[in-house]
Amino acid sequence: MLADPGHAKTLEYDCREPSISAADGIRSKFDGLSRPIAVIPPWRQNAPKPDLAEGHLYVSNALALQRLLNSQTKPDCASLTPFTIEEADFDSGRVKLRFERQPAFKNLFGNVQGGFAVAMVDVLVSVAAYAKTRAWLPTVEMKSSFLAPMKLADCFGEAQVLKVGRQFAFLEAKLWGADGKLAVHATATLAVQSQPSAS
């Protein structure tokens, strides 16, 4: 049953963060839309404008980042750690990713082998740095602590840019198993590469 159009008017709010603009190549990635939007159902028309606490910015930013990554040529190694972006914050350089279960990562004890866990952490810090800087920064150092076994299953990770300097970016990452236990904590240093000047 269709609602009366006069009483079911849908409101749309621009949930784009200031750092997302046409200059960043976002406009052409939204299938004709110029911005990510949050659609507010009729029964919430009088509710406050959506904000970060309700997750609307994270949802739209996650979509923007996912489409940016999908538009790029991927290295062969990317097929080993497939992931979905669950949350993203461009301004702070924070991302949350969901990694798919990979049978080849299984060790003798039925857990994810440590080296593959570190590979997922490297993906986390790389994507977080890309969200912040719009550039792929090579990892030059990483320290990982294994806090608990991570069963072979879908898992979640989060990375946060702590600081971006003139030469290096510093990040923190965490990886949780399907049981919700924190399995890996890591810190990483990435090299900030100078961009060629326009001639």
N, C-alpha and C. Protein backbone atom coordinates (compact mmCIF):
# COMPACT_ATOMS: atom_id res chain seq x y z
N MET A 1 0.84 -1.19 0.00
CA MET A 1 0.00 0.00 0.00
C MET A 1 0.89 1.25 0.00
N LEU A 2 0.64 2.15 -0.93
CA LEU A 2 1.44 3.35 -1.02
C LEU A 2 0.89 4.43 -0.09
N ALA A 3 1.80 5.13 0.54
CA ALA A 3 1.37 6.21 1.43
C ALA A 3 1.01 7.43 0.60
N ASP A 4 0.18 8.29 1.19
CA ASP A 4 -0.19 9.54 0.55
C ASP A 4 1.06 10.39 0.35
N PRO A 5 1.40 10.75 -0.89
CA PRO A 5 2.61 11.53 -1.13
C PRO A 5 2.68 12.80 -0.31
N GLY A 6 1.53 13.37 0.00
CA GLY A 6 1.54 14.60 0.78
C GLY A 6 1.99 14.39 2.20
N HIS A 7 1.91 13.13 2.68
CA HIS A 7 2.29 12.86 4.06
C HIS A 7 3.53 11.98 4.14
N ALA A 8 4.11 11.64 3.01
CA ALA A 8 5.25 10.74 3.02
C ALA A 8 6.45 11.36 2.31
N LYS A 9 6.54 12.66 2.40
CA LYS A 9 7.64 13.34 1.76
C LYS A 9 8.96 12.94 2.42
N THR A 10 9.92 12.57 1.60
CA THR A 10 11.21 12.13 2.11
C THR A 10 12.19 13.28 2.12
N LEU A 11 12.91 13.41 3.20
CA LEU A 11 13.92 14.45 3.32
C LEU A 11 15.29 13.85 3.06
N GLU A 12 16.15 14.62 2.43
CA GLU A 12 17.51 14.17 2.19
C GLU A 12 18.47 15.22 2.74
N TYR A 13 19.45 14.75 3.47
CA TYR A 13 20.46 15.64 4.03
C TYR A 13 21.81 15.31 3.43
N ASP A 14 22.60 16.33 3.18
CA ASP A 14 23.96 16.12 2.70
C ASP A 14 24.81 15.71 3.90
N CYS A 15 25.29 14.47 3.87
CA CYS A 15 26.11 13.97 4.98
C CYS A 15 27.59 13.94 4.61
N ARG A 16 27.97 14.72 3.65
CA ARG A 16 29.36 14.75 3.22
C ARG A 16 30.19 15.53 4.23
N GLU A 17 31.33 14.98 4.54
CA GLU A 17 32.26 15.72 5.38
C GLU A 17 32.98 16.74 4.53
N PRO A 18 33.48 17.82 5.15
CA PRO A 18 34.10 18.90 4.36
C PRO A 18 35.24 18.43 3.47
N SER A 19 35.93 17.34 3.86
CA SER A 19 37.09 16.92 3.08
C SER A 19 36.71 16.20 1.81
N ILE A 20 35.45 15.80 1.65
CA ILE A 20 35.01 15.12 0.45
C ILE A 20 34.48 16.16 -0.53
N SER A 21 35.08 16.23 -1.68
CA SER A 21 34.65 17.22 -2.65
C SER A 21 34.86 16.68 -4.05
N ALA A 22 34.36 17.40 -5.03
CA ALA A 22 34.53 16.99 -6.41
C ALA A 22 36.01 16.93 -6.77
N ALA A 23 36.80 17.78 -6.13
CA ALA A 23 38.23 17.79 -6.42
C ALA A 23 38.89 16.49 -6.02
N ASP A 24 38.30 15.76 -5.08
CA ASP A 24 38.85 14.48 -4.65
C ASP A 24 38.38 13.34 -5.54
N GLY A 25 37.64 13.64 -6.57
CA GLY A 25 37.19 12.61 -7.48
C GLY A 25 35.97 11.84 -7.01
N ILE A 26 35.25 12.40 -6.03
CA ILE A 26 34.10 11.69 -5.49
C ILE A 26 32.88 11.83 -6.39
N ARG A 27 32.70 13.00 -6.98
CA ARG A 27 31.46 13.30 -7.69
C ARG A 27 31.15 12.25 -8.76
N SER A 28 32.15 11.82 -9.50
CA SER A 28 31.91 10.89 -10.60
C SER A 28 31.73 9.46 -10.12
N LYS A 29 31.89 9.21 -8.83
CA LYS A 29 31.83 7.85 -8.31
C LYS A 29 30.47 7.49 -7.74
N PHE A 30 29.52 8.37 -7.82
CA PHE A 30 28.24 8.11 -7.17
C PHE A 30 27.12 7.91 -8.18
N ASP A 31 27.42 7.37 -9.35
CA ASP A 31 26.40 7.03 -10.33
C ASP A 31 25.46 8.19 -10.59
N GLY A 32 26.01 9.38 -10.77
CA GLY A 32 25.18 10.54 -11.09
C GLY A 32 24.87 11.42 -9.90
N LEU A 33 25.03 10.88 -8.68
CA LEU A 33 24.78 11.70 -7.50
C LEU A 33 26.00 12.54 -7.21
N SER A 34 25.79 13.74 -6.77
CA SER A 34 26.92 14.62 -6.50
C SER A 34 27.40 14.49 -5.06
N ARG A 35 26.68 13.75 -4.23
CA ARG A 35 27.06 13.65 -2.83
C ARG A 35 26.42 12.42 -2.21
N PRO A 36 27.05 11.86 -1.18
CA PRO A 36 26.39 10.82 -0.42
C PRO A 36 25.28 11.43 0.42
N ILE A 37 24.17 10.76 0.54
CA ILE A 37 23.05 11.31 1.29
C ILE A 37 22.52 10.30 2.29
N ALA A 38 21.86 10.78 3.30
CA ALA A 38 21.13 9.93 4.23
C ALA A 38 19.64 10.21 4.02
N VAL A 39 18.88 9.18 3.76
CA VAL A 39 17.44 9.35 3.52
C VAL A 39 16.70 9.19 4.84
N ILE A 40 15.92 10.20 5.18
CA ILE A 40 15.19 10.21 6.44
C ILE A 40 13.74 9.83 6.17
N PRO A 41 13.24 8.74 6.76
CA PRO A 41 11.86 8.33 6.52
C PRO A 41 10.87 9.36 7.04
N PRO A 42 9.64 9.32 6.51
CA PRO A 42 8.63 10.33 6.88
C PRO A 42 8.40 10.47 8.37
N TRP A 43 8.43 9.34 9.10
CA TRP A 43 8.11 9.40 10.52
C TRP A 43 9.22 10.04 11.34
N ARG A 44 10.34 10.40 10.66
CA ARG A 44 11.42 11.05 11.37
C ARG A 44 11.70 12.44 10.83
N GLN A 45 10.73 13.02 10.14
CA GLN A 45 10.96 14.33 9.54
C GLN A 45 11.22 15.41 10.59
N ASN A 46 10.65 15.25 11.76
CA ASN A 46 10.83 16.25 12.81
C ASN A 46 12.01 15.95 13.71
N ALA A 47 12.72 14.87 13.40
CA ALA A 47 13.89 14.52 14.20
C ALA A 47 15.05 15.44 13.86
N PRO A 48 16.03 15.53 14.76
CA PRO A 48 17.20 16.38 14.47
C PRO A 48 17.94 15.90 13.24
N LYS A 49 18.67 16.79 12.62
CA LYS A 49 19.48 16.43 11.47
C LYS A 49 20.44 15.31 11.85
N PRO A 50 20.61 14.31 10.99
CA PRO A 50 21.48 13.18 11.34
C PRO A 50 22.90 13.66 11.62
N ASP A 51 23.52 13.01 12.61
CA ASP A 51 24.87 13.39 12.96
C ASP A 51 25.74 12.16 13.10
N LEU A 52 26.97 12.37 13.52
CA LEU A 52 27.93 11.29 13.62
C LEU A 52 27.48 10.20 14.57
N ALA A 53 26.80 10.61 15.66
CA ALA A 53 26.39 9.64 16.66
C ALA A 53 25.43 8.60 16.09
N GLU A 54 24.65 8.99 15.08
CA GLU A 54 23.70 8.06 14.50
C GLU A 54 24.33 7.24 13.38
N GLY A 55 25.56 7.51 13.07
CA GLY A 55 26.27 6.70 12.10
C GLY A 55 26.09 7.09 10.66
N HIS A 56 25.32 8.15 10.36
CA HIS A 56 25.06 8.49 8.97
C HIS A 56 26.33 8.93 8.24
N LEU A 57 27.19 9.68 8.95
CA LEU A 57 28.42 10.11 8.30
C LEU A 57 29.31 8.92 8.01
N TYR A 58 29.37 7.97 8.96
CA TYR A 58 30.18 6.79 8.75
C TYR A 58 29.67 5.97 7.57
N VAL A 59 28.35 5.84 7.47
CA VAL A 59 27.79 5.04 6.38
C VAL A 59 28.13 5.66 5.04
N SER A 60 27.91 6.94 4.88
CA SER A 60 28.16 7.59 3.60
C SER A 60 29.64 7.65 3.29
N ASN A 61 30.48 7.87 4.30
CA ASN A 61 31.91 7.90 4.07
C ASN A 61 32.46 6.53 3.72
N ALA A 62 31.90 5.49 4.34
CA ALA A 62 32.31 4.13 4.02
C ALA A 62 32.01 3.82 2.56
N LEU A 63 30.85 4.25 2.11
CA LEU A 63 30.48 4.04 0.71
C LEU A 63 31.40 4.81 -0.22
N ALA A 64 31.70 6.05 0.13
CA ALA A 64 32.58 6.87 -0.70
C ALA A 64 33.97 6.25 -0.80
N LEU A 65 34.49 5.79 0.33
CA LEU A 65 35.82 5.19 0.33
C LEU A 65 35.83 3.88 -0.44
N GLN A 66 34.80 3.07 -0.24
CA GLN A 66 34.73 1.78 -0.95
C GLN A 66 34.71 2.00 -2.46
N ARG A 67 33.97 2.99 -2.90
CA ARG A 67 33.90 3.24 -4.34
C ARG A 67 35.20 3.81 -4.87
N LEU A 68 35.88 4.60 -4.08
CA LEU A 68 37.20 5.09 -4.48
C LEU A 68 38.17 3.93 -4.68
N LEU A 69 38.16 3.00 -3.74
CA LEU A 69 39.07 1.86 -3.84
C LEU A 69 38.70 0.95 -5.01
N ASN A 70 37.39 0.77 -5.20
CA ASN A 70 36.93 -0.10 -6.29
C ASN A 70 37.28 0.46 -7.67
N SER A 71 37.47 1.78 -7.74
CA SER A 71 37.77 2.40 -9.03
C SER A 71 39.25 2.28 -9.42
N GLN A 72 40.06 1.75 -8.50
CA GLN A 72 41.49 1.67 -8.74
C GLN A 72 41.93 0.25 -9.11
N THR A 73 43.04 0.18 -9.82
CA THR A 73 43.63 -1.13 -10.13
C THR A 73 44.20 -1.72 -8.86
N LYS A 74 43.86 -2.98 -8.58
CA LYS A 74 44.31 -3.62 -7.35
C LYS A 74 45.52 -4.52 -7.62
N PRO A 75 46.48 -4.53 -6.72
CA PRO A 75 47.60 -5.47 -6.87
C PRO A 75 47.12 -6.90 -6.65
N ASP A 76 47.87 -7.86 -7.15
CA ASP A 76 47.46 -9.26 -7.01
C ASP A 76 47.29 -9.68 -5.55
N CYS A 77 48.12 -9.12 -4.67
CA CYS A 77 48.06 -9.53 -3.27
C CYS A 77 46.75 -9.14 -2.60
N ALA A 78 46.03 -8.17 -3.18
CA ALA A 78 44.77 -7.73 -2.57
C ALA A 78 43.73 -8.84 -2.55
N SER A 79 43.84 -9.80 -3.46
CA SER A 79 42.88 -10.90 -3.51
C SER A 79 43.02 -11.83 -2.31
N LEU A 80 44.12 -11.75 -1.60
CA LEU A 80 44.35 -12.62 -0.44
C LEU A 80 43.64 -12.12 0.81
N THR A 81 43.33 -10.84 0.85
CA THR A 81 42.70 -10.26 2.05
C THR A 81 41.46 -9.45 1.66
N PRO A 82 40.45 -10.10 1.10
CA PRO A 82 39.24 -9.35 0.72
C PRO A 82 38.55 -8.76 1.94
N PHE A 83 38.04 -7.54 1.79
CA PHE A 83 37.43 -6.86 2.93
C PHE A 83 36.30 -5.96 2.45
N THR A 84 35.46 -5.59 3.42
CA THR A 84 34.40 -4.62 3.21
C THR A 84 34.59 -3.49 4.20
N ILE A 85 34.42 -2.26 3.75
CA ILE A 85 34.54 -1.11 4.64
C ILE A 85 33.24 -0.93 5.41
N GLU A 86 33.30 -1.04 6.72
CA GLU A 86 32.13 -0.89 7.57
C GLU A 86 31.96 0.56 8.02
N GLU A 87 33.04 1.22 8.33
CA GLU A 87 33.00 2.60 8.78
C GLU A 87 34.23 3.34 8.25
N ALA A 88 34.10 4.63 8.06
CA ALA A 88 35.24 5.43 7.62
C ALA A 88 35.05 6.88 8.05
N ASP A 89 36.13 7.50 8.44
CA ASP A 89 36.14 8.91 8.79
C ASP A 89 37.34 9.54 8.08
N PHE A 90 37.06 10.35 7.05
CA PHE A 90 38.12 10.92 6.24
C PHE A 90 38.97 11.93 7.02
N ASP A 91 38.34 12.74 7.85
CA ASP A 91 39.06 13.80 8.55
C ASP A 91 40.08 13.25 9.54
N SER A 92 39.68 12.24 10.30
CA SER A 92 40.58 11.70 11.32
C SER A 92 41.43 10.55 10.79
N GLY A 93 41.05 9.96 9.67
CA GLY A 93 41.78 8.81 9.15
C GLY A 93 41.50 7.56 9.96
N ARG A 94 40.23 7.28 10.18
CA ARG A 94 39.83 6.07 10.92
C ARG A 94 38.98 5.20 10.03
N VAL A 95 39.25 3.90 10.03
CA VAL A 95 38.44 2.96 9.26
C VAL A 95 38.17 1.71 10.09
N LYS A 96 37.05 1.08 9.77
CA LYS A 96 36.74 -0.23 10.33
C LYS A 96 36.43 -1.15 9.16
N LEU A 97 37.13 -2.27 9.08
CA LEU A 97 36.98 -3.19 7.96
C LEU A 97 36.54 -4.56 8.46
N ARG A 98 35.79 -5.25 7.60
CA ARG A 98 35.42 -6.65 7.86
C ARG A 98 36.16 -7.51 6.85
N PHE A 99 36.95 -8.44 7.34
CA PHE A 99 37.71 -9.34 6.49
C PHE A 99 36.97 -10.67 6.34
N GLU A 100 36.94 -11.19 5.14
CA GLU A 100 36.28 -12.45 4.88
C GLU A 100 37.14 -13.63 5.34
N ARG A 101 36.46 -14.70 5.69
CA ARG A 101 37.14 -15.93 6.09
C ARG A 101 37.98 -16.47 4.94
N GLN A 102 39.23 -16.78 5.24
CA GLN A 102 40.14 -17.31 4.24
C GLN A 102 40.69 -18.66 4.71
N PRO A 103 40.21 -19.76 4.14
CA PRO A 103 40.67 -21.10 4.57
C PRO A 103 42.18 -21.27 4.52
N ALA A 104 42.84 -20.63 3.57
CA ALA A 104 44.29 -20.78 3.43
C ALA A 104 45.05 -20.17 4.60
N PHE A 105 44.40 -19.36 5.44
CA PHE A 105 45.07 -18.72 6.57
C PHE A 105 45.13 -19.63 7.80
N LYS A 106 44.50 -20.81 7.73
CA LYS A 106 44.37 -21.69 8.89
C LYS A 106 45.71 -22.32 9.27
N ASN A 107 46.04 -22.25 10.56
CA ASN A 107 47.26 -22.91 11.04
C ASN A 107 46.94 -24.27 11.66
N LEU A 108 47.91 -24.90 12.28
CA LEU A 108 47.76 -26.24 12.82
C LEU A 108 46.68 -26.31 13.90
N PHE A 109 46.42 -25.19 14.56
CA PHE A 109 45.47 -25.18 15.68
C PHE A 109 44.08 -24.69 15.27
N GLY A 110 43.87 -24.47 13.98
CA GLY A 110 42.56 -24.01 13.51
C GLY A 110 42.36 -22.52 13.63
N ASN A 111 43.44 -21.79 13.90
CA ASN A 111 43.36 -20.34 14.02
C ASN A 111 44.01 -19.67 12.81
N VAL A 112 43.85 -18.36 12.71
CA VAL A 112 44.53 -17.60 11.67
C VAL A 112 46.02 -17.53 12.00
N GLN A 113 46.85 -17.94 11.05
CA GLN A 113 48.29 -17.91 11.26
C GLN A 113 48.74 -16.46 11.42
N GLY A 114 49.70 -16.22 12.31
CA GLY A 114 50.09 -14.87 12.69
C GLY A 114 50.53 -13.99 11.54
N GLY A 115 51.25 -14.55 10.59
CA GLY A 115 51.71 -13.77 9.47
C GLY A 115 50.57 -13.21 8.64
N PHE A 116 49.50 -14.01 8.48
CA PHE A 116 48.35 -13.53 7.73
C PHE A 116 47.58 -12.47 8.52
N ALA A 117 47.58 -12.61 9.85
CA ALA A 117 46.94 -11.59 10.68
C ALA A 117 47.67 -10.25 10.51
N VAL A 118 48.99 -10.30 10.44
CA VAL A 118 49.77 -9.08 10.24
C VAL A 118 49.48 -8.50 8.86
N ALA A 119 49.26 -9.37 7.87
CA ALA A 119 48.91 -8.87 6.53
C ALA A 119 47.60 -8.10 6.58
N MET A 120 46.63 -8.58 7.37
CA MET A 120 45.36 -7.86 7.50
C MET A 120 45.57 -6.53 8.21
N VAL A 121 46.46 -6.51 9.20
CA VAL A 121 46.78 -5.26 9.89
C VAL A 121 47.40 -4.27 8.91
N ASP A 122 48.26 -4.77 8.03
CA ASP A 122 48.88 -3.89 7.04
C ASP A 122 47.83 -3.28 6.11
N VAL A 123 46.82 -4.07 5.77
CA VAL A 123 45.70 -3.55 4.97
C VAL A 123 44.99 -2.45 5.75
N LEU A 124 44.73 -2.70 7.02
CA LEU A 124 44.04 -1.72 7.85
C LEU A 124 44.75 -0.38 7.88
N VAL A 125 46.05 -0.39 8.17
CA VAL A 125 46.76 0.88 8.28
C VAL A 125 46.90 1.56 6.92
N SER A 126 47.03 0.76 5.86
CA SER A 126 47.14 1.34 4.52
C SER A 126 45.86 2.06 4.12
N VAL A 127 44.71 1.42 4.39
CA VAL A 127 43.43 2.03 4.02
C VAL A 127 43.15 3.25 4.89
N ALA A 128 43.48 3.18 6.17
CA ALA A 128 43.27 4.34 7.05
C ALA A 128 44.12 5.52 6.59
N ALA A 129 45.37 5.25 6.24
CA ALA A 129 46.24 6.33 5.76
C ALA A 129 45.73 6.89 4.44
N TYR A 130 45.20 6.01 3.59
CA TYR A 130 44.67 6.49 2.31
C TYR A 130 43.45 7.38 2.54
N ALA A 131 42.59 6.99 3.47
CA ALA A 131 41.41 7.80 3.77
C ALA A 131 41.81 9.20 4.22
N LYS A 132 42.90 9.29 4.95
CA LYS A 132 43.35 10.59 5.48
C LYS A 132 44.10 11.41 4.44
N THR A 133 44.96 10.77 3.65
CA THR A 133 45.88 11.50 2.78
C THR A 133 45.53 11.40 1.30
N ARG A 134 44.65 10.48 0.92
CA ARG A 134 44.31 10.20 -0.49
C ARG A 134 45.53 9.73 -1.27
N ALA A 135 46.45 9.05 -0.59
CA ALA A 135 47.63 8.50 -1.24
C ALA A 135 47.98 7.18 -0.57
N TRP A 136 48.57 6.26 -1.34
CA TRP A 136 49.03 4.98 -0.79
C TRP A 136 50.43 5.18 -0.24
N LEU A 137 50.57 4.95 1.05
CA LEU A 137 51.85 5.17 1.72
C LEU A 137 52.48 3.82 2.06
N PRO A 138 53.74 3.61 1.70
CA PRO A 138 54.39 2.34 2.02
C PRO A 138 54.66 2.20 3.52
N THR A 139 54.47 0.99 4.02
CA THR A 139 54.74 0.70 5.42
C THR A 139 56.24 0.50 5.62
N VAL A 140 56.83 1.21 6.57
CA VAL A 140 58.26 1.08 6.81
C VAL A 140 58.57 0.39 8.15
N GLU A 141 57.57 0.33 9.02
CA GLU A 141 57.79 -0.33 10.31
C GLU A 141 56.44 -0.72 10.91
N MET A 142 56.40 -1.88 11.57
CA MET A 142 55.17 -2.32 12.23
C MET A 142 55.54 -3.18 13.42
N LYS A 143 54.87 -2.93 14.53
CA LYS A 143 55.03 -3.76 15.73
C LYS A 143 53.67 -4.35 16.07
N SER A 144 53.60 -5.67 16.11
CA SER A 144 52.33 -6.37 16.36
C SER A 144 52.43 -7.21 17.62
N SER A 145 51.39 -7.15 18.43
CA SER A 145 51.29 -7.98 19.63
C SER A 145 50.09 -8.90 19.46
N PHE A 146 50.31 -10.21 19.65
CA PHE A 146 49.24 -11.19 19.52
C PHE A 146 48.67 -11.46 20.91
N LEU A 147 47.44 -11.01 21.11
CA LEU A 147 46.83 -11.04 22.45
C LEU A 147 45.96 -12.26 22.68
N ALA A 148 45.43 -12.84 21.62
CA ALA A 148 44.55 -14.00 21.74
C ALA A 148 44.49 -14.72 20.40
N PRO A 149 44.24 -16.04 20.42
CA PRO A 149 44.08 -16.76 19.15
C PRO A 149 42.87 -16.22 18.39
N MET A 150 42.97 -16.18 17.08
CA MET A 150 41.86 -15.70 16.25
C MET A 150 41.36 -16.86 15.39
N LYS A 151 40.17 -17.36 15.72
CA LYS A 151 39.60 -18.47 14.99
C LYS A 151 39.38 -18.11 13.54
N LEU A 152 39.45 -19.11 12.68
CA LEU A 152 39.27 -18.89 11.25
C LEU A 152 37.80 -18.57 10.98
N ALA A 153 37.50 -17.34 10.72
CA ALA A 153 36.13 -16.86 10.47
C ALA A 153 36.24 -15.41 10.01
N ASP A 154 35.09 -14.82 9.65
CA ASP A 154 35.11 -13.39 9.37
C ASP A 154 35.61 -12.64 10.60
N CYS A 155 36.41 -11.63 10.40
CA CYS A 155 36.93 -10.87 11.54
C CYS A 155 36.86 -9.38 11.23
N PHE A 156 37.00 -8.58 12.26
CA PHE A 156 36.89 -7.14 12.12
C PHE A 156 38.17 -6.47 12.58
N GLY A 157 38.51 -5.39 11.90
CA GLY A 157 39.68 -4.62 12.28
C GLY A 157 39.40 -3.15 12.23
N GLU A 158 40.18 -2.39 12.99
CA GLU A 158 40.03 -0.94 13.03
C GLU A 158 41.41 -0.32 13.05
N ALA A 159 41.57 0.75 12.28
CA ALA A 159 42.85 1.47 12.28
C ALA A 159 42.59 2.96 12.38
N GLN A 160 43.51 3.65 12.99
CA GLN A 160 43.38 5.08 13.24
C GLN A 160 44.71 5.77 12.99
N VAL A 161 44.66 6.85 12.20
CA VAL A 161 45.84 7.68 12.02
C VAL A 161 46.07 8.48 13.30
N LEU A 162 47.26 8.39 13.85
CA LEU A 162 47.59 9.15 15.05
C LEU A 162 48.20 10.50 14.71
N LYS A 163 49.05 10.50 13.69
CA LYS A 163 49.70 11.74 13.27
C LYS A 163 50.26 11.58 11.87
N VAL A 164 50.16 12.62 11.08
CA VAL A 164 50.80 12.64 9.76
C VAL A 164 51.79 13.79 9.76
N GLY A 165 53.07 13.44 9.62
CA GLY A 165 54.11 14.46 9.57
C GLY A 165 54.59 14.68 8.15
N ARG A 166 55.69 15.37 8.01
CA ARG A 166 56.21 15.68 6.68
C ARG A 166 56.86 14.46 6.04
N GLN A 167 57.38 13.53 6.87
CA GLN A 167 58.06 12.36 6.34
C GLN A 167 57.36 11.05 6.68
N PHE A 168 56.69 11.00 7.83
CA PHE A 168 56.09 9.75 8.28
C PHE A 168 54.68 9.96 8.82
N ALA A 169 53.88 8.90 8.71
CA ALA A 169 52.55 8.85 9.32
C ALA A 169 52.57 7.74 10.36
N PHE A 170 51.93 7.98 11.49
CA PHE A 170 51.92 7.02 12.59
C PHE A 170 50.48 6.56 12.81
N LEU A 171 50.30 5.24 12.89
CA LEU A 171 48.96 4.69 13.00
C LEU A 171 48.90 3.60 14.07
N GLU A 172 47.68 3.33 14.51
CA GLU A 172 47.40 2.24 15.45
C GLU A 172 46.32 1.36 14.83
N ALA A 173 46.42 0.05 15.03
CA ALA A 173 45.42 -0.86 14.47
C ALA A 173 45.10 -1.97 15.47
N LYS A 174 43.86 -2.45 15.38
CA LYS A 174 43.39 -3.56 16.22
C LYS A 174 42.62 -4.53 15.34
N LEU A 175 42.72 -5.81 15.69
CA LEU A 175 42.04 -6.85 14.93
C LEU A 175 41.32 -7.77 15.92
N TRP A 176 40.00 -7.92 15.73
CA TRP A 176 39.18 -8.77 16.59
C TRP A 176 38.76 -10.04 15.86
N GLY A 177 38.69 -11.13 16.59
CA GLY A 177 38.19 -12.37 16.02
C GLY A 177 36.67 -12.38 16.01
N ALA A 178 36.10 -13.43 15.42
CA ALA A 178 34.64 -13.55 15.35
C ALA A 178 34.01 -13.67 16.74
N ASP A 179 34.80 -14.08 17.72
CA ASP A 179 34.29 -14.21 19.10
C ASP A 179 34.29 -12.88 19.83
N GLY A 180 34.72 -11.81 19.17
CA GLY A 180 34.73 -10.49 19.78
C GLY A 180 35.95 -10.19 20.63
N LYS A 181 36.89 -11.13 20.71
CA LYS A 181 38.09 -10.92 21.51
C LYS A 181 39.15 -10.19 20.69
N LEU A 182 39.81 -9.23 21.32
CA LEU A 182 40.90 -8.52 20.66
C LEU A 182 42.05 -9.49 20.47
N ALA A 183 42.42 -9.73 19.21
CA ALA A 183 43.45 -10.72 18.90
C ALA A 183 44.80 -10.10 18.61
N VAL A 184 44.81 -8.95 17.93
CA VAL A 184 46.08 -8.32 17.55
C VAL A 184 45.99 -6.82 17.79
N HIS A 185 47.04 -6.29 18.39
CA HIS A 185 47.19 -4.84 18.53
C HIS A 185 48.50 -4.47 17.86
N ALA A 186 48.48 -3.39 17.07
CA ALA A 186 49.69 -3.03 16.33
C ALA A 186 49.83 -1.53 16.21
N THR A 187 51.07 -1.11 16.09
CA THR A 187 51.38 0.27 15.71
C THR A 187 52.23 0.20 14.45
N ALA A 188 52.11 1.22 13.61
CA ALA A 188 52.81 1.19 12.34
C ALA A 188 53.28 2.58 11.95
N THR A 189 54.34 2.60 11.19
CA THR A 189 54.88 3.84 10.63
C THR A 189 54.88 3.71 9.11
N LEU A 190 54.31 4.69 8.45
CA LEU A 190 54.25 4.70 6.98
C LEU A 190 55.00 5.92 6.46
N ALA A 191 55.63 5.76 5.32
CA ALA A 191 56.39 6.86 4.73
C ALA A 191 55.48 7.78 3.93
N VAL A 192 55.60 9.07 4.19
CA VAL A 192 54.83 10.06 3.43
C VAL A 192 55.68 10.47 2.23
N GLN A 193 55.18 10.15 1.07
CA GLN A 193 55.92 10.45 -0.15
C GLN A 193 55.54 11.83 -0.67
N SER A 194 56.53 12.62 -1.02
CA SER A 194 56.26 13.95 -1.53
C SER A 194 55.63 13.86 -2.91
N GLN A 195 54.62 14.69 -3.15
CA GLN A 195 53.92 14.69 -4.44
C GLN A 195 54.68 15.55 -5.43
N PRO A 196 54.73 15.11 -6.69
CA PRO A 196 55.41 15.92 -7.70
C PRO A 196 54.72 17.27 -7.89
N SER A 197 55.50 18.32 -8.01
CA SER A 197 54.92 19.65 -8.16
C SER A 197 54.39 19.83 -9.58
N ALA A 198 53.32 20.63 -9.69
CA ALA A 198 52.71 20.87 -10.99
C ALA A 198 53.61 21.80 -11.81
N SER A 199 53.77 21.47 -13.07
CA SER A 199 54.64 22.28 -13.92
C SER A 199 53.82 23.26 -14.73
